C-alpha atoms as a PDB file:
ATOM      1  CA  MET A   1      84.874  98.889  89.795  1.00  0.00           C
ATOM      2  CA  GLY A   2      84.135  95.171  90.155  1.00  0.00           C
ATOM      3  CA  SER A   3      87.803  94.265  90.238  1.00  0.00           C
ATOM      4  CA  GLY A   4      88.331  96.799  93.008  1.00  0.00           C
ATOM      5  CA  LEU A   5      85.508  95.298  95.083  1.00  0.00           C
ATOM      6  CA  LEU A   6      86.922  91.809  94.631  1.00  0.00           C
ATOM      7  CA  SER A   7      90.375  93.004  95.657  1.00  0.00           C
ATOM      8  CA  VAL A   8      88.989  94.718  98.764  1.00  0.00           C
ATOM      9  CA  ALA A   9      87.089  91.577  99.798  1.00  0.00           C
ATOM     10  CA  ILE A  10      90.075  89.286  99.284  1.00  0.00           C
ATOM     11  CA  ASN A  11      92.447  91.689 101.041  1.00  0.00           C
ATOM     12  CA  ALA A  12      90.085  92.000 104.010  1.00  0.00           C
ATOM     13  CA  ARG A  13      89.644  88.243 104.336  1.00  0.00           C
ATOM     14  CA  PHE A  14      93.302  87.251 103.962  1.00  0.00           C
ATOM     15  CA  LYS A  15      95.028  90.383 105.333  1.00  0.00           C
ATOM     16  CA  THR A  16      96.837  91.030 102.063  1.00  0.00           C
ATOM     17  CA  ASN A  17      97.469  94.161 100.028  1.00  0.00           C
ATOM     18  CA  LEU A  18      96.795  93.049  96.464  1.00  0.00           C
ATOM     19  CA  THR A  19      95.804  95.674  93.921  1.00  0.00           C
ATOM     20  CA  ASP A  20      94.533  93.612  90.966  1.00  0.00           C
ATOM     21  CA  VAL A  21      93.166  90.107  91.545  1.00  0.00           C
ATOM     22  CA  LEU A  22      91.976  89.808  87.939  1.00  0.00           C
ATOM     23  CA  ASN A  23      95.285  90.309  86.161  1.00  0.00           C
ATOM     24  CA  GLY A  24      95.815  87.123  84.187  1.00  0.00           C
ATOM     25  CA  LEU A  25      99.615  87.018  84.332  1.00  0.00           C
ATOM     26  CA  ARG A  26     100.670  84.255  86.756  1.00  0.00           C
ATOM     27  CA  THR A  27     103.728  82.270  87.642  1.00  0.00           C
ATOM     28  CA  THR A  28     104.202  79.471  90.132  1.00  0.00           C
ATOM     29  CA  ARG A  29     106.329  76.428  90.765  1.00  0.00           C
ATOM     30  CA  ARG A  30     104.951  73.252  89.213  1.00  0.00           C
ATOM     31  CA  GLU A  31     104.976  71.287  92.475  1.00  0.00           C
ATOM     32  CA  VAL A  32     103.021  74.049  94.210  1.00  0.00           C
ATOM     33  CA  ALA A  33     100.497  74.308  91.374  1.00  0.00           C
ATOM     34  CA  LEU A  34      99.838  70.577  91.583  1.00  0.00           C
ATOM     35  CA  GLN A  35      99.061  70.827  95.311  1.00  0.00           C
ATOM     36  CA  VAL A  36      96.437  73.564  95.021  1.00  0.00           C
ATOM     37  CA  PRO A  37      93.038  72.397  93.722  1.00  0.00           C
ATOM     38  CA  LEU A  38      91.476  74.640  91.093  1.00  0.00           C
ATOM     39  CA  ARG A  39      87.881  74.286  89.950  1.00  0.00           C
ATOM     40  CA  ALA A  40      87.241  77.460  87.953  1.00  0.00           C
ATOM     41  CA  ASP A  41      87.268  77.137  84.181  1.00  0.00           C
ATOM     42  CA  ASP A  42      86.230  80.575  82.989  1.00  0.00           C
ATOM     43  CA  PHE A  43      87.338  84.192  83.428  1.00  0.00           C
ATOM     44  CA  ASP A  44      87.136  83.740  87.203  1.00  0.00           C
ATOM     45  CA  ILE A  45      90.252  81.536  87.232  1.00  0.00           C
ATOM     46  CA  GLU A  46      92.539  84.480  88.078  1.00  0.00           C
ATOM     47  CA  GLN A  47      90.886  85.368  91.371  1.00  0.00           C
ATOM     48  CA  HIS A  48      90.214  81.681  92.138  1.00  0.00           C
ATOM     49  CA  MET A  49      93.947  80.948  91.902  1.00  0.00           C
ATOM     50  CA  ILE A  50      94.755  83.763  94.312  1.00  0.00           C
ATOM     51  CA  VAL A  51      92.163  82.713  96.885  1.00  0.00           C
ATOM     52  CA  GLN A  52      93.133  79.039  96.673  1.00  0.00           C
ATOM     53  CA  TYR A  53      96.833  79.822  97.078  1.00  0.00           C
ATOM     54  CA  LEU A  54      96.103  82.035 100.096  1.00  0.00           C
ATOM     55  CA  LYS A  55      93.813  79.397 101.636  1.00  0.00           C
ATOM     56  CA  HIS A  56      96.617  76.850 101.293  1.00  0.00           C
ATOM     57  CA  GLY A  57      99.111  79.113 103.031  1.00  0.00           C
ATOM     58  CA  ARG A  58     101.006  80.076  99.895  1.00  0.00           C
ATOM     59  CA  ARG A  59     102.515  83.487  99.352  1.00  0.00           C
ATOM     60  CA  VAL A  60     100.986  85.696  96.673  1.00  0.00           C
ATOM     61  CA  THR A  61     102.900  88.770  95.558  1.00  0.00           C
ATOM     62  CA  GLU A  62     102.468  91.268  92.762  1.00  0.00           C
ATOM     63  CA  VAL A  63     105.072  92.463  90.325  1.00  0.00           C
ATOM     64  CA  ARG A  64     104.425  95.793  88.689  1.00  0.00           C
ATOM     65  CA  SER A  65     103.554  95.563  84.993  1.00  0.00           C
ATOM     66  CA  HIS A  66     102.227  97.864  82.318  1.00  0.00           C
ATOM     67  CA  GLU A  67      99.589  97.052  79.756  1.00  0.00           C
ATOM     68  CA  TYR A  68      99.549  99.178  76.642  1.00  0.00           C
ATOM     69  CA  CYS A  69      96.318 100.431  75.099  1.00  0.00           C
ATOM     70  CA  ARG A  70      94.811  98.167  72.466  1.00  0.00           C
ATOM     71  CA  ARG A  71      95.998  99.219  69.019  1.00  0.00           C
ATOM     72  CA  TRP A  72      93.718  97.059  66.866  1.00  0.00           C
ATOM     73  CA  GLY A  73      90.383  95.405  67.210  1.00  0.00           C
ATOM     74  CA  LYS A  74      87.925  95.452  70.026  1.00  0.00           C
ATOM     75  CA  SER A  75      87.958  93.516  73.294  1.00  0.00           C
ATOM     76  CA  LYS A  76      85.801  90.403  73.255  1.00  0.00           C
ATOM     77  CA  LEU A  77      85.847  90.036  77.043  1.00  0.00           C
ATOM     78  CA  PRO A  78      82.199  90.088  78.196  1.00  0.00           C
ATOM     79  CA  THR A  79      82.998  91.940  81.428  1.00  0.00           C
ATOM     80  CA  TYR A  80      79.499  93.112  82.288  1.00  0.00           C
ATOM     81  CA  ARG A  81      77.751  89.925  81.177  1.00  0.00           C
ATOM     82  CA  LYS A  82      80.157  87.822  83.262  1.00  0.00           C
ATOM     83  CA  ALA A  83      80.206  90.004  86.409  1.00  0.00           C
ATOM     84  CA  TYR A  84      78.034  87.528  88.301  1.00  0.00           C
ATOM     85  CA  LEU A  85      80.665  84.845  87.712  1.00  0.00           C
ATOM     86  CA  PHE A  86      83.379  86.714  89.607  1.00  0.00           C
ATOM     87  CA  PHE A  87      81.196  87.379  92.648  1.00  0.00           C
ATOM     88  CA  TRP A  88      79.750  83.856  92.659  1.00  0.00           C
ATOM     89  CA  ARG A  89      83.292  82.419  92.577  1.00  0.00           C
ATOM     90  CA  LEU A  90      84.317  84.673  95.458  1.00  0.00           C
ATOM     91  CA  PHE A  91      81.303  83.492  97.460  1.00  0.00           C
ATOM     92  CA  LEU A  92      82.129  79.836  96.754  1.00  0.00           C
ATOM     93  CA  ASP A  93      85.798  80.286  97.599  1.00  0.00           C
ATOM     94  CA  LEU A  94      85.146  82.113 100.849  1.00  0.00           C
ATOM     95  CA  ALA A  95      82.257  79.874 101.928  1.00  0.00           C
ATOM     96  CA  THR A  96      84.163  76.598 101.545  1.00  0.00           C
ATOM     97  CA  ARG A  97      86.984  75.281 103.606  1.00  0.00           C
ATOM     98  CA  ARG A  98      90.401  74.597 102.219  1.00  0.00           C
END
């Protein structure tokens, strides 16, 4: 649910149509990556990258992918304990200029 809210907010602000701003799979050209300042250093880096690229006039597109169900072990991602981090990062990104 949180990911959906973040996607809606980012889409509304930047007039995009992204479906998953928290998917961690990224690719970019090195020279572009060096031009876009990134400050996040936790699980919020995925959405921070998207917002920063959009703020700097870069194109962000999605490529369809499929993630299989976990076969072994249990996820260690503290999604609920870290929820504040995602919304705080969104606030910071949208409240600051380029």
